[in-house]
Amino acid sequence: MLYPSNYVNKIIYRIKWVTQKNIEAVENKALKKEELKEKIRKNSSVNG
């Protein structure tokens, strides 16, 4: 069964949008993790 092209295009656009949001979320999570490691390392060197 074939779907109208505008429907398919909406699905493809949605998949791309969701994928992009997931990539951004992973990047933000990694960045926050690195910032936390840096903060802990700085506090450890100051305190210890």
PDB file of N, CA and C in Angstrom:
ATOM      1  N   MET A   1       0.849  -1.180   0.000  1.00  0.00           N
ATOM      2  CA  MET A   1       0.000   0.000   0.000  1.00  0.00           C
ATOM      3  C   MET A   1       0.893   1.241   0.000  1.00  0.00           C
ATOM      4  N   LEU A   2       0.582   2.149  -0.876  1.00  0.00           N
ATOM      5  CA  LEU A   2       1.349   3.385  -0.975  1.00  0.00           C
ATOM      6  C   LEU A   2       0.646   4.502  -0.214  1.00  0.00           C
ATOM      7  N   TYR A   3       1.442   5.315   0.456  1.00  0.00           N
ATOM      8  CA  TYR A   3       0.907   6.440   1.200  1.00  0.00           C
ATOM      9  C   TYR A   3       1.145   7.712   0.397  1.00  0.00           C
ATOM     10  N   PRO A   4       0.321   8.735   0.607  1.00  0.00           N
ATOM     11  CA  PRO A   4       0.563  10.016  -0.073  1.00  0.00           C
ATOM     12  C   PRO A   4       1.933  10.571   0.306  1.00  0.00           C
ATOM     13  N   SER A   5       2.590  11.180  -0.638  1.00  0.00           N
ATOM     14  CA  SER A   5       3.967  11.640  -0.408  1.00  0.00           C
ATOM     15  C   SER A   5       4.060  12.662   0.716  1.00  0.00           C
ATOM     16  N   ASN A   6       3.050  13.512   0.865  1.00  0.00           N
ATOM     17  CA  ASN A   6       3.126  14.503   1.950  1.00  0.00           C
ATOM     18  C   ASN A   6       3.075  13.826   3.318  1.00  0.00           C
ATOM     19  N   TYR A   7       2.372  12.721   3.444  1.00  0.00           N
ATOM     20  CA  TYR A   7       2.319  11.965   4.689  1.00  0.00           C
ATOM     21  C   TYR A   7       3.674  11.334   4.972  1.00  0.00           C
ATOM     22  N   VAL A   8       4.278  10.759   3.950  1.00  0.00           N
ATOM     23  CA  VAL A   8       5.598  10.144   4.087  1.00  0.00           C
ATOM     24  C   VAL A   8       6.624  11.199   4.456  1.00  0.00           C
ATOM     25  N   ASN A   9       6.549  12.362   3.820  1.00  0.00           N
ATOM     26  CA  ASN A   9       7.486  13.440   4.124  1.00  0.00           C
ATOM     27  C   ASN A   9       7.352  13.899   5.573  1.00  0.00           C
ATOM     28  N   LYS A  10       6.128  13.939   6.094  1.00  0.00           N
ATOM     29  CA  LYS A  10       5.918  14.318   7.492  1.00  0.00           C
ATOM     30  C   LYS A  10       6.546  13.288   8.426  1.00  0.00           C
ATOM     31  N   ILE A  11       6.400  12.017   8.075  1.00  0.00           N
ATOM     32  CA  ILE A  11       6.988  10.958   8.897  1.00  0.00           C
ATOM     33  C   ILE A  11       8.512  11.071   8.885  1.00  0.00           C
ATOM     34  N   ILE A  12       9.082  11.267   7.709  1.00  0.00           N
ATOM     35  CA  ILE A  12      10.541  11.390   7.591  1.00  0.00           C
ATOM     36  C   ILE A  12      11.027  12.602   8.366  1.00  0.00           C
ATOM     37  N   TYR A  13      10.322  13.731   8.251  1.00  0.00           N
ATOM     38  CA  TYR A  13      10.706  14.935   8.975  1.00  0.00           C
ATOM     39  C   TYR A  13      10.656  14.680  10.481  1.00  0.00           C
ATOM     40  N   ARG A  14       9.622  13.990  10.938  1.00  0.00           N
ATOM     41  CA  ARG A  14       9.479  13.701  12.363  1.00  0.00           C
ATOM     42  C   ARG A  14      10.615  12.805  12.854  1.00  0.00           C
ATOM     43  N   ILE A  15      10.969  11.804  12.064  1.00  0.00           N
ATOM     44  CA  ILE A  15      12.073  10.913  12.437  1.00  0.00           C
ATOM     45  C   ILE A  15      13.366  11.703  12.540  1.00  0.00           C
ATOM     46  N   LYS A  16      13.621  12.590  11.586  1.00  0.00           N
ATOM     47  CA  LYS A  16      14.833  13.416  11.621  1.00  0.00           C
ATOM     48  C   LYS A  16      14.833  14.324  12.843  1.00  0.00           C
ATOM     49  N   TRP A  17      13.668  14.914  13.152  1.00  0.00           N
ATOM     50  CA  TRP A  17      13.563  15.821  14.289  1.00  0.00           C
ATOM     51  C   TRP A  17      13.833  15.085  15.597  1.00  0.00           C
ATOM     52  N   VAL A  18      13.223  13.923  15.759  1.00  0.00           N
ATOM     53  CA  VAL A  18      13.414  13.137  16.973  1.00  0.00           C
ATOM     54  C   VAL A  18      14.863  12.697  17.112  1.00  0.00           C
ATOM     55  N   THR A  19      15.453  12.277  16.010  1.00  0.00           N
ATOM     56  CA  THR A  19      16.852  11.858  16.028  1.00  0.00           C
ATOM     57  C   THR A  19      17.749  13.018  16.434  1.00  0.00           C
ATOM     58  N   GLN A  20      17.499  14.198  15.874  1.00  0.00           N
ATOM     59  CA  GLN A  20      18.309  15.376  16.208  1.00  0.00           C
ATOM     60  C   GLN A  20      18.160  15.720  17.681  1.00  0.00           C
ATOM     61  N   LYS A  21      16.948  15.660  18.212  1.00  0.00           N
ATOM     62  CA  LYS A  21      16.723  15.965  19.622  1.00  0.00           C
ATOM     63  C   LYS A  21      17.441  14.951  20.515  1.00  0.00           C
ATOM     64  N   ASN A  22      17.427  13.688  20.107  1.00  0.00           N
ATOM     65  CA  ASN A  22      18.121  12.665  20.892  1.00  0.00           C
ATOM     66  C   ASN A  22      19.628  12.903  20.885  1.00  0.00           C
ATOM     67  N   ILE A  23      20.178  13.283  19.744  1.00  0.00           N
ATOM     68  CA  ILE A  23      21.610  13.575  19.648  1.00  0.00           C
ATOM     69  C   ILE A  23      21.956  14.750  20.554  1.00  0.00           C
ATOM     70  N   GLU A  24      21.126  15.795  20.519  1.00  0.00           N
ATOM     71  CA  GLU A  24      21.370  16.959  21.374  1.00  0.00           C
ATOM     72  C   GLU A  24      21.292  16.589  22.846  1.00  0.00           C
ATOM     73  N   ALA A  25      20.350  15.743  23.202  1.00  0.00           N
ATOM     74  CA  ALA A  25      20.208  15.329  24.600  1.00  0.00           C
ATOM     75  C   ALA A  25      21.435  14.552  25.058  1.00  0.00           C
ATOM     76  N   VAL A  26      21.941  13.675  24.217  1.00  0.00           N
ATOM     77  CA  VAL A  26      23.128  12.888  24.561  1.00  0.00           C
ATOM     78  C   VAL A  26      24.338  13.801  24.695  1.00  0.00           C
ATOM     79  N   GLU A  27      24.471  14.754  23.774  1.00  0.00           N
ATOM     80  CA  GLU A  27      25.594  15.693  23.833  1.00  0.00           C
ATOM     81  C   GLU A  27      25.520  16.537  25.104  1.00  0.00           C
ATOM     82  N   ASN A  28      24.336  17.010  25.454  1.00  0.00           N
ATOM     83  CA  ASN A  28      24.178  17.813  26.670  1.00  0.00           C
ATOM     84  C   ASN A  28      24.498  16.992  27.906  1.00  0.00           C
ATOM     85  N   LYS A  29      24.066  15.754  27.916  1.00  0.00           N
ATOM     86  CA  LYS A  29      24.338  14.879  29.052  1.00  0.00           C
ATOM     87  C   LYS A  29      25.839  14.652  29.200  1.00  0.00           C
ATOM     88  N   ALA A  30      26.522  14.427  28.078  1.00  0.00           N
ATOM     89  CA  ALA A  30      27.969  14.211  28.117  1.00  0.00           C
ATOM     90  C   ALA A  30      28.685  15.478  28.590  1.00  0.00           C
ATOM     91  N   LEU A  31      28.236  16.630  28.123  1.00  0.00           N
ATOM     92  CA  LEU A  31      28.846  17.890  28.521  1.00  0.00           C
ATOM     93  C   LEU A  31      28.670  18.122  30.019  1.00  0.00           C
ATOM     94  N   LYS A  32      27.481  17.880  30.533  1.00  0.00           N
ATOM     95  CA  LYS A  32      27.251  18.060  31.966  1.00  0.00           C
ATOM     96  C   LYS A  32      28.085  17.082  32.782  1.00  0.00           C
ATOM     97  N   LYS A  33      28.245  15.877  32.267  1.00  0.00           N
ATOM     98  CA  LYS A  33      29.059  14.882  32.964  1.00  0.00           C
ATOM     99  C   LYS A  33      30.511  15.337  33.027  1.00  0.00           C
ATOM    100  N   GLU A  34      31.016  15.872  31.928  1.00  0.00           N
ATOM    101  CA  GLU A  34      32.387  16.384  31.902  1.00  0.00           C
ATOM    102  C   GLU A  34      32.542  17.575  32.846  1.00  0.00           C
ATOM    103  N   GLU A  35      31.556  18.465  32.865  1.00  0.00           N
ATOM    104  CA  GLU A  35      31.614  19.618  33.771  1.00  0.00           C
ATOM    105  C   GLU A  35      31.622  19.162  35.224  1.00  0.00           C
ATOM    106  N   LEU A  36      30.832  18.152  35.537  1.00  0.00           N
ATOM    107  CA  LEU A  36      30.789  17.629  36.896  1.00  0.00           C
ATOM    108  C   LEU A  36      32.130  17.004  37.273  1.00  0.00           C
ATOM    109  N   LYS A  37      32.729  16.245  36.353  1.00  0.00           N
ATOM    110  CA  LYS A  37      34.043  15.652  36.623  1.00  0.00           C
ATOM    111  C   LYS A  37      35.075  16.740  36.882  1.00  0.00           C
ATOM    112  N   GLU A  38      35.031  17.785  36.075  1.00  0.00           N
ATOM    113  CA  GLU A  38      35.972  18.898  36.233  1.00  0.00           C
ATOM    114  C   GLU A  38      35.769  19.578  37.591  1.00  0.00           C
ATOM    115  N   LYS A  39      34.517  19.783  37.968  1.00  0.00           N
ATOM    116  CA  LYS A  39      34.211  20.425  39.243  1.00  0.00           C
ATOM    117  C   LYS A  39      34.705  19.565  40.410  1.00  0.00           C
ATOM    118  N   ILE A  40      34.471  18.268  40.314  1.00  0.00           N
ATOM    119  CA  ILE A  40      34.930  17.353  41.366  1.00  0.00           C
ATOM    120  C   ILE A  40      36.454  17.350  41.439  1.00  0.00           C
ATOM    121  N   ARG A  41      37.099  17.346  40.283  1.00  0.00           N
ATOM    122  CA  ARG A  41      38.563  17.335  40.253  1.00  0.00           C
ATOM    123  C   ARG A  41      39.120  18.617  40.878  1.00  0.00           C
ATOM    124  N   LYS A  42      38.512  19.758  40.575  1.00  0.00           N
ATOM    125  CA  LYS A  42      38.965  21.024  41.160  1.00  0.00           C
ATOM    126  C   LYS A  42      38.765  21.025  42.673  1.00  0.00           C
ATOM    127  N   ASN A  43      37.613  20.542  43.114  1.00  0.00           N
ATOM    128  CA  ASN A  43      37.344  20.502  44.562  1.00  0.00           C
ATOM    129  C   ASN A  43      38.301  19.535  45.256  1.00  0.00           C
ATOM    130  N   SER A  44      38.624  18.435  44.615  1.00  0.00           N
ATOM    131  CA  SER A  44      39.543  17.458  45.220  1.00  0.00           C
ATOM    132  C   SER A  44      40.938  18.051  45.373  1.00  0.00           C
ATOM    133  N   SER A  45      41.374  18.799  44.357  1.00  0.00           N
ATOM    134  CA  SER A  45      42.719  19.370  44.431  1.00  0.00           C
ATOM    135  C   SER A  45      42.789  20.493  45.462  1.00  0.00           C
ATOM    136  N   VAL A  46      41.692  21.227  45.658  1.00  0.00           N
ATOM    137  CA  VAL A  46      41.663  22.302  46.636  1.00  0.00           C
ATOM    138  C   VAL A  46      41.591  21.727  48.052  1.00  0.00           C
ATOM    139  N   ASN A  47      40.778  20.695  48.220  1.00  0.00           N
ATOM    140  CA  ASN A  47      40.562  20.120  49.547  1.00  0.00           C
ATOM    141  C   ASN A  47      41.640  19.111  49.942  1.00  0.00           C
ATOM    142  N   GLY A  48      42.243  18.490  48.975  1.00  0.00           N
ATOM    143  CA  GLY A  48      43.165  17.427  49.347  1.00  0.00           C
ATOM    144  C   GLY A  48      44.520  17.722  48.905  1.00  0.00           C
TER     145      GLY A  48
END
